[in-house]
């Protein structure tokens, strides 16, 4: 396999695995809000349809409105697509690793081992 292809696979893996936490739907009083990311690790309920996000320093970072059913469904569909893409990439990287082992691994040589 070409170096460019292997490099592209590794770049994609790093892109998908990011270091910071991403927001995801969080249930609060029967409604869903995007939370759990670095700027919204905690929250306070503001009213029936909004929360106030709080970061790790205890600072308010802004309001977030409740998601509509359509927004929640769109998020879940996108997550399913991303999960499938990541699984496909992982499978492809495993297959590439096996091919690389076949190409570069030493063959079964008959080696005579001598004692001193």
PDB file of N, CA and C in Angstrom:
ATOM      1  N   UNK A   1       0.838  -1.177   0.000  1.00  0.00           N
ATOM      2  CA  UNK A   1       0.000   0.000   0.000  1.00  0.00           C
ATOM      3  C   UNK A   1       0.885   1.243   0.000  1.00  0.00           C
ATOM      4  N   UNK A   2       0.458   2.276  -0.676  1.00  0.00           N
ATOM      5  CA  UNK A   2       1.267   3.478  -0.802  1.00  0.00           C
ATOM      6  C   UNK A   2       1.320   4.267   0.504  1.00  0.00           C
ATOM      7  N   UNK A   3       2.426   5.002   0.684  1.00  0.00           N
ATOM      8  CA  UNK A   3       2.587   5.814   1.878  1.00  0.00           C
ATOM      9  C   UNK A   3       1.472   6.842   2.003  1.00  0.00           C
ATOM     10  N   UNK A   4       1.019   7.403   0.874  1.00  0.00           N
ATOM     11  CA  UNK A   4      -0.024   8.429   0.898  1.00  0.00           C
ATOM     12  C   UNK A   4      -1.322   7.858   1.469  1.00  0.00           C
ATOM     13  N   UNK A   5      -1.644   6.624   1.105  1.00  0.00           N
ATOM     14  CA  UNK A   5      -2.872   6.000   1.588  1.00  0.00           C
ATOM     15  C   UNK A   5      -2.789   5.747   3.079  1.00  0.00           C
ATOM     16  N   UNK A   6      -1.654   5.249   3.540  1.00  0.00           N
ATOM     17  CA  UNK A   6      -1.476   4.985   4.959  1.00  0.00           C
ATOM     18  C   UNK A   6      -1.530   6.302   5.737  1.00  0.00           C
ATOM     19  N   UNK A   7      -0.890   7.329   5.215  1.00  0.00           N
ATOM     20  CA  UNK A   7      -0.929   8.648   5.858  1.00  0.00           C
ATOM     21  C   UNK A   7      -2.343   9.189   5.942  1.00  0.00           C
ATOM     22  N   UNK A   8      -3.116   9.018   4.882  1.00  0.00           N
ATOM     23  CA  UNK A   8      -4.501   9.483   4.876  1.00  0.00           C
ATOM     24  C   UNK A   8      -5.323   8.748   5.920  1.00  0.00           C
ATOM     25  N   UNK A   9      -5.107   7.439   6.042  1.00  0.00           N
ATOM     26  CA  UNK A   9      -5.834   6.653   7.034  1.00  0.00           C
ATOM     27  C   UNK A   9      -5.499   7.116   8.453  1.00  0.00           C
ATOM     28  N   UNK A  10      -4.233   7.350   8.721  1.00  0.00           N
ATOM     29  CA  UNK A  10      -3.827   7.796  10.054  1.00  0.00           C
ATOM     30  C   UNK A  10      -4.375   9.184  10.365  1.00  0.00           C
ATOM     31  N   UNK A  11      -4.367  10.080   9.364  1.00  0.00           N
ATOM     32  CA  UNK A  11      -4.919  11.421   9.559  1.00  0.00           C
ATOM     33  C   UNK A  11      -6.406  11.337   9.880  1.00  0.00           C
ATOM     34  N   UNK A  12      -7.127  10.519   9.138  1.00  0.00           N
ATOM     35  CA  UNK A  12      -8.565  10.371   9.374  1.00  0.00           C
ATOM     36  C   UNK A  12      -8.837   9.819  10.768  1.00  0.00           C
ATOM     37  N   UNK A  13      -8.038   8.875  11.209  1.00  0.00           N
ATOM     38  CA  UNK A  13      -8.207   8.300  12.545  1.00  0.00           C
ATOM     39  C   UNK A  13      -8.005   9.366  13.618  1.00  0.00           C
ATOM     40  N   UNK A  14      -6.982  10.205  13.453  1.00  0.00           N
ATOM     41  CA  UNK A  14      -6.743  11.274  14.416  1.00  0.00           C
ATOM     42  C   UNK A  14      -7.885  12.286  14.392  1.00  0.00           C
ATOM     43  N   UNK A  15      -8.403  12.569  13.205  1.00  0.00           N
ATOM     44  CA  UNK A  15      -9.486  13.529  13.070  1.00  0.00           C
ATOM     45  C   UNK A  15     -10.724  13.041  13.809  1.00  0.00           C
ATOM     46  N   UNK A  16     -11.049  11.752  13.656  1.00  0.00           N
ATOM     47  CA  UNK A  16     -12.229  11.196  14.293  1.00  0.00           C
ATOM     48  C   UNK A  16     -12.075  11.061  15.799  1.00  0.00           C
ATOM     49  N   UNK A  17     -10.855  10.919  16.280  1.00  0.00           N
ATOM     50  CA  UNK A  17     -10.667  10.612  17.686  1.00  0.00           C
ATOM     51  C   UNK A  17     -10.442  11.832  18.557  1.00  0.00           C
ATOM     52  N   UNK A  18     -10.459  13.045  18.058  1.00  0.00           N
ATOM     53  CA  UNK A  18     -10.224  14.285  18.766  1.00  0.00           C
ATOM     54  C   UNK A  18      -9.978  14.203  20.261  1.00  0.00           C
ATOM     55  N   UNK A  19      -9.290  15.155  20.816  1.00  0.00           N
ATOM     56  CA  UNK A  19      -8.924  15.115  22.222  1.00  0.00           C
ATOM     57  C   UNK A  19      -9.990  15.736  23.123  1.00  0.00           C
ATOM     58  N   UNK A  20     -10.670  16.772  22.675  1.00  0.00           N
ATOM     59  CA  UNK A  20     -11.650  17.413  23.535  1.00  0.00           C
ATOM     60  C   UNK A  20     -12.983  16.694  23.457  1.00  0.00           C
ATOM     61  N   UNK A  21     -13.769  16.900  24.501  1.00  0.00           N
ATOM     62  CA  UNK A  21     -15.091  16.280  24.533  1.00  0.00           C
ATOM     63  C   UNK A  21     -16.032  17.060  23.625  1.00  0.00           C
ATOM     64  N   UNK A  22     -16.898  16.339  22.956  1.00  0.00           N
ATOM     65  CA  UNK A  22     -17.902  16.976  22.125  1.00  0.00           C
ATOM     66  C   UNK A  22     -19.246  16.967  22.829  1.00  0.00           C
ATOM     67  N   UNK A  23     -20.081  17.907  22.461  1.00  0.00           N
ATOM     68  CA  UNK A  23     -21.422  17.969  23.033  1.00  0.00           C
ATOM     69  C   UNK A  23     -22.255  16.816  22.498  1.00  0.00           C
ATOM     70  N   UNK A  24     -23.154  16.340  23.327  1.00  0.00           N
ATOM     71  CA  UNK A  24     -24.094  15.305  22.925  1.00  0.00           C
ATOM     72  C   UNK A  24     -25.415  15.589  23.637  1.00  0.00           C
ATOM     73  N   UNK A  25     -26.506  15.043  23.130  1.00  0.00           N
ATOM     74  CA  UNK A  25     -27.801  15.299  23.772  1.00  0.00           C
ATOM     75  C   UNK A  25     -27.826  14.781  25.208  1.00  0.00           C
ATOM     76  N   UNK A  26     -28.236  15.651  26.126  1.00  0.00           N
ATOM     77  CA  UNK A  26     -28.349  15.307  27.540  1.00  0.00           C
ATOM     78  C   UNK A  26     -29.787  15.538  27.965  1.00  0.00           C
ATOM     79  N   UNK A  27     -30.360  14.581  28.635  1.00  0.00           N
ATOM     80  CA  UNK A  27     -31.752  14.695  29.081  1.00  0.00           C
ATOM     81  C   UNK A  27     -31.822  15.494  30.375  1.00  0.00           C
ATOM     82  N   UNK A  28     -32.648  16.530  30.363  1.00  0.00           N
ATOM     83  CA  UNK A  28     -32.870  17.363  31.547  1.00  0.00           C
ATOM     84  C   UNK A  28     -34.380  17.597  31.641  1.00  0.00           C
ATOM     85  N   UNK A  29     -34.980  17.095  32.680  1.00  0.00           N
ATOM     86  CA  UNK A  29     -36.418  17.276  32.900  1.00  0.00           C
ATOM     87  C   UNK A  29     -37.260  16.888  31.684  1.00  0.00           C
ATOM     88  N   UNK A  30     -36.891  15.797  31.021  1.00  0.00           N
ATOM     89  CA  UNK A  30     -37.682  15.291  29.908  1.00  0.00           C
ATOM     90  C   UNK A  30     -37.409  15.941  28.564  1.00  0.00           C
ATOM     91  N   UNK A  31     -36.485  16.884  28.513  1.00  0.00           N
ATOM     92  CA  UNK A  31     -36.099  17.521  27.250  1.00  0.00           C
ATOM     93  C   UNK A  31     -34.616  17.302  27.032  1.00  0.00           C
ATOM     94  N   UNK A  32     -34.187  17.422  25.783  1.00  0.00           N
ATOM     95  CA  UNK A  32     -32.781  17.192  25.450  1.00  0.00           C
ATOM     96  C   UNK A  32     -32.083  18.498  25.102  1.00  0.00           C
ATOM     97  N   UNK A  33     -30.869  18.640  25.655  1.00  0.00           N
ATOM     98  CA  UNK A  33     -30.023  19.798  25.429  1.00  0.00           C
ATOM     99  C   UNK A  33     -28.652  19.295  25.007  1.00  0.00           C
ATOM    100  N   UNK A  34     -27.956  20.056  24.157  1.00  0.00           N
ATOM    101  CA  UNK A  34     -26.581  19.697  23.811  1.00  0.00           C
ATOM    102  C   UNK A  34     -25.688  20.117  24.974  1.00  0.00           C
ATOM    103  N   UNK A  35     -25.009  19.139  25.554  1.00  0.00           N
ATOM    104  CA  UNK A  35     -24.155  19.419  26.696  1.00  0.00           C
ATOM    105  C   UNK A  35     -23.064  18.370  26.814  1.00  0.00           C
ATOM    106  N   UNK A  36     -22.253  18.514  27.839  1.00  0.00           N
ATOM    107  CA  UNK A  36     -21.186  17.558  28.080  1.00  0.00           C
ATOM    108  C   UNK A  36     -19.863  17.944  27.441  1.00  0.00           C
ATOM    109  N   UNK A  37     -19.839  19.037  26.682  1.00  0.00           N
ATOM    110  CA  UNK A  37     -18.584  19.500  26.092  1.00  0.00           C
ATOM    111  C   UNK A  37     -17.847  20.368  27.107  1.00  0.00           C
ATOM    112  N   UNK A  38     -16.671  20.852  26.737  1.00  0.00           N
ATOM    113  CA  UNK A  38     -15.827  21.595  27.680  1.00  0.00           C
ATOM    114  C   UNK A  38     -16.492  22.863  28.220  1.00  0.00           C
ATOM    115  N   UNK A  39     -17.358  23.485  27.439  1.00  0.00           N
ATOM    116  CA  UNK A  39     -17.994  24.715  27.912  1.00  0.00           C
ATOM    117  C   UNK A  39     -19.344  24.451  28.575  1.00  0.00           C
ATOM    118  N   UNK A  40     -19.707  23.181  28.707  1.00  0.00           N
ATOM    119  CA  UNK A  40     -20.999  22.862  29.340  1.00  0.00           C
ATOM    120  C   UNK A  40     -20.892  21.538  30.098  1.00  0.00           C
ATOM    121  N   UNK A  41     -19.952  21.491  31.057  1.00  0.00           N
ATOM    122  CA  UNK A  41     -19.803  20.252  31.819  1.00  0.00           C
ATOM    123  C   UNK A  41     -20.845  20.155  32.943  1.00  0.00           C
ATOM    124  N   UNK A  42     -21.381  21.315  33.337  1.00  0.00           N
ATOM    125  CA  UNK A  42     -22.484  21.365  34.303  1.00  0.00           C
ATOM    126  C   UNK A  42     -23.504  22.372  33.784  1.00  0.00           C
ATOM    127  N   UNK A  43     -24.663  22.402  34.425  1.00  0.00           N
ATOM    128  CA  UNK A  43     -25.702  23.321  33.965  1.00  0.00           C
ATOM    129  C   UNK A  43     -26.615  23.720  35.127  1.00  0.00           C
ATOM    130  N   UNK A  44     -27.358  24.797  34.912  1.00  0.00           N
ATOM    131  CA  UNK A  44     -28.466  25.200  35.782  1.00  0.00           C
ATOM    132  C   UNK A  44     -29.687  25.365  34.890  1.00  0.00           C
ATOM    133  N   UNK A  45     -30.834  24.954  35.369  1.00  0.00           N
ATOM    134  CA  UNK A  45     -32.063  25.156  34.609  1.00  0.00           C
ATOM    135  C   UNK A  45     -32.416  26.632  34.695  1.00  0.00           C
ATOM    136  N   UNK A  46     -32.637  27.267  33.530  1.00  0.00           N
ATOM    137  CA  UNK A  46     -33.001  28.681  33.483  1.00  0.00           C
ATOM    138  C   UNK A  46     -34.510  28.837  33.410  1.00  0.00           C
ATOM    139  N   UNK A  47     -35.123  28.130  32.470  1.00  0.00           N
ATOM    140  CA  UNK A  47     -36.583  28.099  32.359  1.00  0.00           C
ATOM    141  C   UNK A  47     -36.984  26.761  31.737  1.00  0.00           C
ATOM    142  N   UNK A  48     -38.223  26.636  31.299  1.00  0.00           N
ATOM    143  CA  UNK A  48     -38.717  25.353  30.779  1.00  0.00           C
ATOM    144  C   UNK A  48     -37.993  24.888  29.526  1.00  0.00           C
ATOM    145  N   UNK A  49     -37.372  25.788  28.777  1.00  0.00           N
ATOM    146  CA  UNK A  49     -36.755  25.423  27.505  1.00  0.00           C
ATOM    147  C   UNK A  49     -35.290  25.805  27.381  1.00  0.00           C
ATOM    148  N   UNK A  50     -34.674  26.284  28.481  1.00  0.00           N
ATOM    149  CA  UNK A  50     -33.269  26.682  28.401  1.00  0.00           C
ATOM    150  C   UNK A  50     -32.513  26.291  29.664  1.00  0.00           C
ATOM    151  N   UNK A  51     -31.218  26.024  29.436  1.00  0.00           N
ATOM    152  CA  UNK A  51     -30.306  25.799  30.551  1.00  0.00           C
ATOM    153  C   UNK A  51     -29.169  26.815  30.426  1.00  0.00           C
ATOM    154  N   UNK A  52     -28.502  27.070  31.533  1.00  0.00           N
ATOM    155  CA  UNK A  52     -27.289  27.892  31.531  1.00  0.00           C
ATOM    156  C   UNK A  52     -26.120  26.932  31.707  1.00  0.00           C
ATOM    157  N   UNK A  53     -25.193  26.960  30.762  1.00  0.00           N
ATOM    158  CA  UNK A  53     -24.031  26.068  30.817  1.00  0.00           C
ATOM    159  C   UNK A  53     -22.942  26.652  31.701  1.00  0.00           C
ATOM    160  N   UNK A  54     -22.192  25.745  32.341  1.00  0.00           N
ATOM    161  CA  UNK A  54     -21.107  26.126  33.241  1.00  0.00           C
ATOM    162  C   UNK A  54     -19.870  25.323  32.863  1.00  0.00           C
ATOM    163  N   UNK A  55     -18.714  26.002  32.751  1.00  0.00           N
ATOM    164  CA  UNK A  55     -17.472  25.309  32.389  1.00  0.00           C
ATOM    165  C   UNK A  55     -16.764  24.777  33.634  1.00  0.00           C
ATOM    166  N   UNK A  56     -15.576  24.209  33.456  1.00  0.00           N
ATOM    167  CA  UNK A  56     -14.842  23.589  34.570  1.00  0.00           C
ATOM    168  C   UNK A  56     -14.354  24.606  35.596  1.00  0.00           C
ATOM    169  N   UNK A  57     -14.303  25.886  35.217  1.00  0.00           N
ATOM    170  CA  UNK A  57     -13.900  26.934  36.153  1.00  0.00           C
ATOM    171  C   UNK A  57     -15.086  27.486  36.929  1.00  0.00           C
ATOM    172  N   UNK A  58     -16.289  26.957  36.660  1.00  0.00           N
ATOM    173  CA  UNK A  58     -17.487  27.429  37.348  1.00  0.00           C
ATOM    174  C   UNK A  58     -18.095  28.669  36.723  1.00  0.00           C
ATOM    175  N   UNK A  59     -17.630  29.051  35.543  1.00  0.00           N
ATOM    176  CA  UNK A  59     -18.140  30.251  34.877  1.00  0.00           C
ATOM    177  C   UNK A  59     -19.307  29.902  33.964  1.00  0.00           C
ATOM    178  N   UNK A  60     -20.314  30.776  33.954  1.00  0.00           N
ATOM    179  CA  UNK A  60     -21.425  30.624  33.017  1.00  0.00           C
ATOM    180  C   UNK A  60     -20.904  30.859  31.603  1.00  0.00           C
ATOM    181  N   UNK A  61     -21.267  29.976  30.686  1.00  0.00           N
ATOM    182  CA  UNK A  61     -20.772  30.111  29.307  1.00  0.00           C
ATOM    183  C   UNK A  61     -21.880  30.405  28.310  1.00  0.00           C
ATOM    184  N   UNK A  62     -23.112  30.496  28.781  1.00  0.00           N
ATOM    185  CA  UNK A  62     -24.208  30.851  27.888  1.00  0.00           C
ATOM    186  C   UNK A  62     -25.394  29.916  28.027  1.00  0.00           C
ATOM    187  N   UNK A  63     -26.423  30.262  27.276  1.00  0.00           N
ATOM    188  CA  UNK A  63     -27.667  29.506  27.306  1.00  0.00           C
ATOM    189  C   UNK A  63     -27.689  28.472  26.192  1.00  0.00           C
ATOM    190  N   UNK A  64     -28.403  27.388  26.445  1.00  0.00           N
ATOM    191  CA  UNK A  64     -28.680  26.407  25.398  1.00  0.00           C
ATOM    192  C   UNK A  64     -30.163  26.076  25.467  1.00  0.00           C
ATOM    193  N   UNK A  65     -30.778  26.088  24.302  1.00  0.00           N
ATOM    194  CA  UNK A  65     -32.205  25.797  24.215  1.00  0.00           C
ATOM    195  C   UNK A  65     -32.432  24.303  24.045  1.00  0.00           C
ATOM    196  N   UNK A  66     -33.619  23.863  24.462  1.00  0.00           N
ATOM    197  CA  UNK A  66     -33.995  22.455  24.298  1.00  0.00           C
ATOM    198  C   UNK A  66     -34.047  22.132  22.811  1.00  0.00           C
ATOM    199  N   UNK A  67     -33.662  20.905  22.470  1.00  0.00           N
ATOM    200  CA  UNK A  67     -33.680  20.462  21.084  1.00  0.00           C
ATOM    201  C   UNK A  67     -35.104  20.065  20.694  1.00  0.00           C
ATOM    202  N   UNK A  68     -35.454  20.344  19.438  1.00  0.00           N
ATOM    203  CA  UNK A  68     -36.727  19.846  18.931  1.00  0.00           C
ATOM    204  C   UNK A  68     -36.562  18.357  18.617  1.00  0.00           C
ATOM    205  N   UNK A  69     -37.680  17.660  18.437  1.00  0.00           N
ATOM    206  CA  UNK A  69     -37.605  16.238  18.075  1.00  0.00           C
ATOM    207  C   UNK A  69     -36.831  16.056  16.780  1.00  0.00           C
ATOM    208  N   UNK A  70     -37.013  16.973  15.820  1.00  0.00           N
ATOM    209  CA  UNK A  70     -36.311  16.882  14.537  1.00  0.00           C
ATOM    210  C   UNK A  70     -34.806  17.064  14.734  1.00  0.00           C
ATOM    211  N   UNK A  71     -34.400  18.025  15.550  1.00  0.00           N
ATOM    212  CA  UNK A  71     -32.971  18.241  15.813  1.00  0.00           C
ATOM    213  C   UNK A  71     -32.355  17.018  16.485  1.00  0.00           C
ATOM    214  N   UNK A  72     -33.073  16.417  17.441  1.00  0.00           N
ATOM    215  CA  UNK A  72     -32.577  15.232  18.128  1.00  0.00           C
ATOM    216  C   UNK A  72     -32.424  14.079  17.148  1.00  0.00           C
ATOM    217  N   UNK A  73     -33.423  13.873  16.277  1.00  0.00           N
ATOM    218  CA  UNK A  73     -33.364  12.792  15.297  1.00  0.00           C
ATOM    219  C   UNK A  73     -32.215  13.012  14.320  1.00  0.00           C
ATOM    220  N   UNK A  74     -32.021  14.264  13.861  1.00  0.00           N
ATOM    221  CA  UNK A  74     -30.919  14.573  12.945  1.00  0.00           C
ATOM    222  C   UNK A  74     -29.581  14.269  13.618  1.00  0.00           C
ATOM    223  N   UNK A  75     -29.441  14.630  14.890  1.00  0.00           N
ATOM    224  CA  UNK A  75     -28.190  14.371  15.613  1.00  0.00           C
ATOM    225  C   UNK A  75     -27.935  12.867  15.711  1.00  0.00           C
ATOM    226  N   UNK A  76     -28.961  12.106  16.043  1.00  0.00           N
ATOM    227  CA  UNK A  76     -28.794  10.663  16.195  1.00  0.00           C
ATOM    228  C   UNK A  76     -28.444  10.010  14.854  1.00  0.00           C
ATOM    229  N   UNK A  77     -29.050  10.466  13.767  1.00  0.00           N
ATOM    230  CA  UNK A  77     -28.718   9.933  12.441  1.00  0.00           C
ATOM    231  C   UNK A  77     -27.271  10.248  12.069  1.00  0.00           C
ATOM    232  N   UNK A  78     -26.835  11.479  12.336  1.00  0.00           N
ATOM    233  CA  UNK A  78     -25.454  11.874  12.039  1.00  0.00           C
ATOM    234  C   UNK A  78     -24.473  11.054  12.871  1.00  0.00           C
ATOM    235  N   UNK A  79     -24.811  10.827  14.151  1.00  0.00           N
ATOM    236  CA  UNK A  79     -23.945  10.019  15.008  1.00  0.00           C
ATOM    237  C   UNK A  79     -23.832   8.595  14.470  1.00  0.00           C
ATOM    238  N   UNK A  80     -24.938   8.029  14.015  1.00  0.00           N
ATOM    239  CA  UNK A  80     -24.911   6.672  13.459  1.00  0.00           C
ATOM    240  C   UNK A  80     -24.023   6.622  12.215  1.00  0.00           C
ATOM    241  N   UNK A  81     -24.111   7.644  11.358  1.00  0.00           N
ATOM    242  CA  UNK A  81     -23.256   7.697  10.164  1.00  0.00           C
ATOM    243  C   UNK A  81     -21.786   7.815  10.551  1.00  0.00           C
ATOM    244  N   UNK A  82     -21.487   8.655  11.534  1.00  0.00           N
ATOM    245  CA  UNK A  82     -20.098   8.825  11.979  1.00  0.00           C
ATOM    246  C   UNK A  82     -19.562   7.539  12.596  1.00  0.00           C
ATOM    247  N   UNK A  83     -20.388   6.850  13.391  1.00  0.00           N
ATOM    248  CA  UNK A  83     -19.962   5.587  13.997  1.00  0.00           C
ATOM    249  C   UNK A  83     -19.650   4.557  12.916  1.00  0.00           C
ATOM    250  N   UNK A  84     -20.494   4.487  11.888  1.00  0.00           N
ATOM    251  CA  UNK A  84     -20.262   3.545  10.792  1.00  0.00           C
ATOM    252  C   UNK A  84     -18.962   3.880  10.066  1.00  0.00           C
ATOM    253  N   UNK A  85     -18.737   5.177   9.793  1.00  0.00           N
ATOM    254  CA  UNK A  85     -17.506   5.587   9.109  1.00  0.00           C
ATOM    255  C   UNK A  85     -16.280   5.227   9.941  1.00  0.00           C
ATOM    256  N   UNK A  86     -16.354   5.420  11.253  1.00  0.00           N
ATOM    257  CA  UNK A  86     -15.226   5.094  12.129  1.00  0.00           C
ATOM    258  C   UNK A  86     -14.985   3.587  12.158  1.00  0.00           C
ATOM    259  N   UNK A  87     -16.061   2.809  12.210  1.00  0.00           N
ATOM    260  CA  UNK A  87     -15.912   1.348  12.182  1.00  0.00           C
ATOM    261  C   UNK A  87     -15.318   0.883  10.857  1.00  0.00           C
ATOM    262  N   UNK A  88     -15.775   1.479   9.752  1.00  0.00           N
ATOM    263  CA  UNK A  88     -15.224   1.129   8.438  1.00  0.00           C
ATOM    264  C   UNK A  88     -13.739   1.463   8.368  1.00  0.00           C
ATOM    265  N   UNK A  89     -13.374   2.630   8.907  1.00  0.00           N
ATOM    266  CA  UNK A  89     -11.970   3.044   8.906  1.00  0.00           C
ATOM    267  C   UNK A  89     -11.135   2.099   9.760  1.00  0.00           C
ATOM    268  N   UNK A  90     -11.651   1.732  10.903  1.00  0.00           N
ATOM    269  CA  UNK A  90     -10.930   0.810  11.783  1.00  0.00           C
ATOM    270  C   UNK A  90     -10.710  -0.539  11.094  1.00  0.00           C
ATOM    271  N   UNK A  91     -11.749  -1.045  10.442  1.00  0.00           N
ATOM    272  CA  UNK A  91     -11.634  -2.312   9.721  1.00  0.00           C
ATOM    273  C   UNK A  91     -10.594  -2.204   8.616  1.00  0.00           C
ATOM    274  N   UNK A  92     -10.624  -1.088   7.872  1.00  0.00           N
ATOM    275  CA  UNK A  92      -9.672  -0.896   6.777  1.00  0.00           C
ATOM    276  C   UNK A  92      -8.245  -0.812   7.308  1.00  0.00           C
ATOM    277  N   UNK A  93      -8.059  -0.146   8.448  1.00  0.00           N
ATOM    278  CA  UNK A  93      -6.717  -0.054   9.024  1.00  0.00           C
ATOM    279  C   UNK A  93      -6.237  -1.416   9.499  1.00  0.00           C
ATOM    280  N   UNK A  94      -7.134  -2.208  10.077  1.00  0.00           N
ATOM    281  CA  UNK A  94      -6.755  -3.563  10.492  1.00  0.00           C
ATOM    282  C   UNK A  94      -6.354  -4.409   9.291  1.00  0.00           C
ATOM    283  N   UNK A  95      -7.125  -4.311   8.202  1.00  0.00           N
ATOM    284  CA  UNK A  95      -6.800  -5.066   6.992  1.00  0.00           C
ATOM    285  C   UNK A  95      -5.456  -4.615   6.420  1.00  0.00           C
ATOM    286  N   UNK A  96      -5.210  -3.316   6.450  1.00  0.00           N
ATOM    287  CA  UNK A  96      -3.936  -2.791   5.959  1.00  0.00           C
ATOM    288  C   UNK A  96      -2.786  -3.308   6.812  1.00  0.00           C
ATOM    289  N   UNK A  97      -2.983  -3.334   8.133  1.00  0.00           N
ATOM    290  CA  UNK A  97      -1.944  -3.861   9.021  1.00  0.00           C
ATOM    291  C   UNK A  97      -1.633  -5.315   8.733  1.00  0.00           C
ATOM    292  N   UNK A  98      -2.671  -6.104   8.477  1.00  0.00           N
ATOM    293  CA  UNK A  98      -2.448  -7.518   8.158  1.00  0.00           C
ATOM    294  C   UNK A  98      -1.697  -7.668   6.837  1.00  0.00           C
ATOM    295  N   UNK A  99      -2.043  -6.842   5.861  1.00  0.00           N
ATOM    296  CA  UNK A  99      -1.344  -6.894   4.573  1.00  0.00           C
ATOM    297  C   UNK A  99       0.116  -6.499   4.746  1.00  0.00           C
ATOM    298  N   UNK A 100       0.356  -5.489   5.569  1.00  0.00           N
ATOM    299  CA  UNK A 100       1.730  -5.048   5.814  1.00  0.00           C
ATOM    300  C   UNK A 100       2.525  -6.166   6.486  1.00  0.00           C
ATOM    301  N   UNK A 101       1.900  -6.891   7.399  1.00  0.00           N
ATOM    302  CA  UNK A 101       2.585  -8.007   8.049  1.00  0.00           C
ATOM    303  C   UNK A 101       2.932  -9.090   7.039  1.00  0.00           C
ATOM    304  N   UNK A 102       2.011  -9.352   6.121  1.00  0.00           N
ATOM    305  CA  UNK A 102       2.273 -10.364   5.098  1.00  0.00           C
ATOM    306  C   UNK A 102       3.446  -9.957   4.211  1.00  0.00           C
ATOM    307  N   UNK A 103       3.532  -8.669   3.914  1.00  0.00           N
ATOM    308  CA  UNK A 103       4.571  -8.187   3.017  1.00  0.00           C
ATOM    309  C   UNK A 103       5.932  -8.141   3.719  1.00  0.00           C
ATOM    310  N   UNK A 104       5.962  -7.601   4.934  1.00  0.00           N
ATOM    311  CA  UNK A 104       7.234  -7.320   5.591  1.00  0.00           C
ATOM    312  C   UNK A 104       7.661  -8.319   6.652  1.00  0.00           C
ATOM    313  N   UNK A 105       6.762  -9.191   7.097  1.00  0.00           N
ATOM    314  CA  UNK A 105       7.149 -10.150   8.135  1.00  0.00           C
ATOM    315  C   UNK A 105       8.110 -11.172   7.550  1.00  0.00           C
ATOM    316  N   UNK A 106       9.097 -11.584   8.317  1.00  0.00           N
ATOM    317  CA  UNK A 106      10.033 -12.586   7.797  1.00  0.00           C
ATOM    318  C   UNK A 106       9.305 -13.902   7.529  1.00  0.00           C
ATOM    319  N   UNK A 107       9.696 -14.538   6.487  1.00  0.00           N
ATOM    320  CA  UNK A 107       9.125 -15.831   6.126  1.00  0.00           C
ATOM    321  C   UNK A 107       9.687 -16.889   7.063  1.00  0.00           C
ATOM    322  N   UNK A 108       9.119 -18.048   7.046  1.00  0.00           N
ATOM    323  CA  UNK A 108       9.616 -19.142   7.879  1.00  0.00           C
ATOM    324  C   UNK A 108      10.924 -19.663   7.305  1.00  0.00           C
ATOM    325  N   UNK A 109      11.993 -19.132   7.828  1.00  0.00           N
ATOM    326  CA  UNK A 109      13.312 -19.579   7.385  1.00  0.00           C
ATOM    327  C   UNK A 109      13.745 -20.767   8.240  1.00  0.00           C
ATOM    328  N   UNK A 110      14.434 -21.698   7.630  1.00  0.00           N
ATOM    329  CA  UNK A 110      15.044 -22.777   8.404  1.00  0.00           C
ATOM    330  C   UNK A 110      16.348 -22.244   8.943  1.00  0.00           C
ATOM    331  N   UNK A 111      16.307 -21.925  10.207  1.00  0.00           N
ATOM    332  CA  UNK A 111      17.522 -21.379  10.820  1.00  0.00           C
ATOM    333  C   UNK A 111      18.127 -22.455  11.707  1.00  0.00           C
ATOM    334  N   UNK A 112      19.391 -22.661  11.533  1.00  0.00           N
ATOM    335  CA  UNK A 112      20.096 -23.589  12.384  1.00  0.00           C
ATOM    336  C   UNK A 112      20.594 -22.833  13.607  1.00  0.00           C
ATOM    337  N   UNK A 113      20.199 -23.324  14.737  1.00  0.00           N
ATOM    338  CA  UNK A 113      20.626 -22.674  15.976  1.00  0.00           C
ATOM    339  C   UNK A 113      21.697 -23.546  16.601  1.00  0.00           C
ATOM    340  N   UNK A 114      22.833 -22.924  16.851  1.00  0.00           N
ATOM    341  CA  UNK A 114      23.978 -23.654  17.393  1.00  0.00           C
ATOM    342  C   UNK A 114      24.210 -23.223  18.826  1.00  0.00           C
ATOM    343  N   UNK A 115      24.703 -24.160  19.610  1.00  0.00           N
ATOM    344  CA  UNK A 115      25.098 -23.863  20.976  1.00  0.00           C
ATOM    345  C   UNK A 115      26.599 -23.657  20.988  1.00  0.00           C
ATOM    346  N   UNK A 116      27.028 -22.822  21.876  1.00  0.00           N
ATOM    347  CA  UNK A 116      28.473 -22.599  22.036  1.00  0.00           C
ATOM    348  C   UNK A 116      29.066 -23.644  22.916  1.00  0.00           C
TER     349      UNK A 116
END
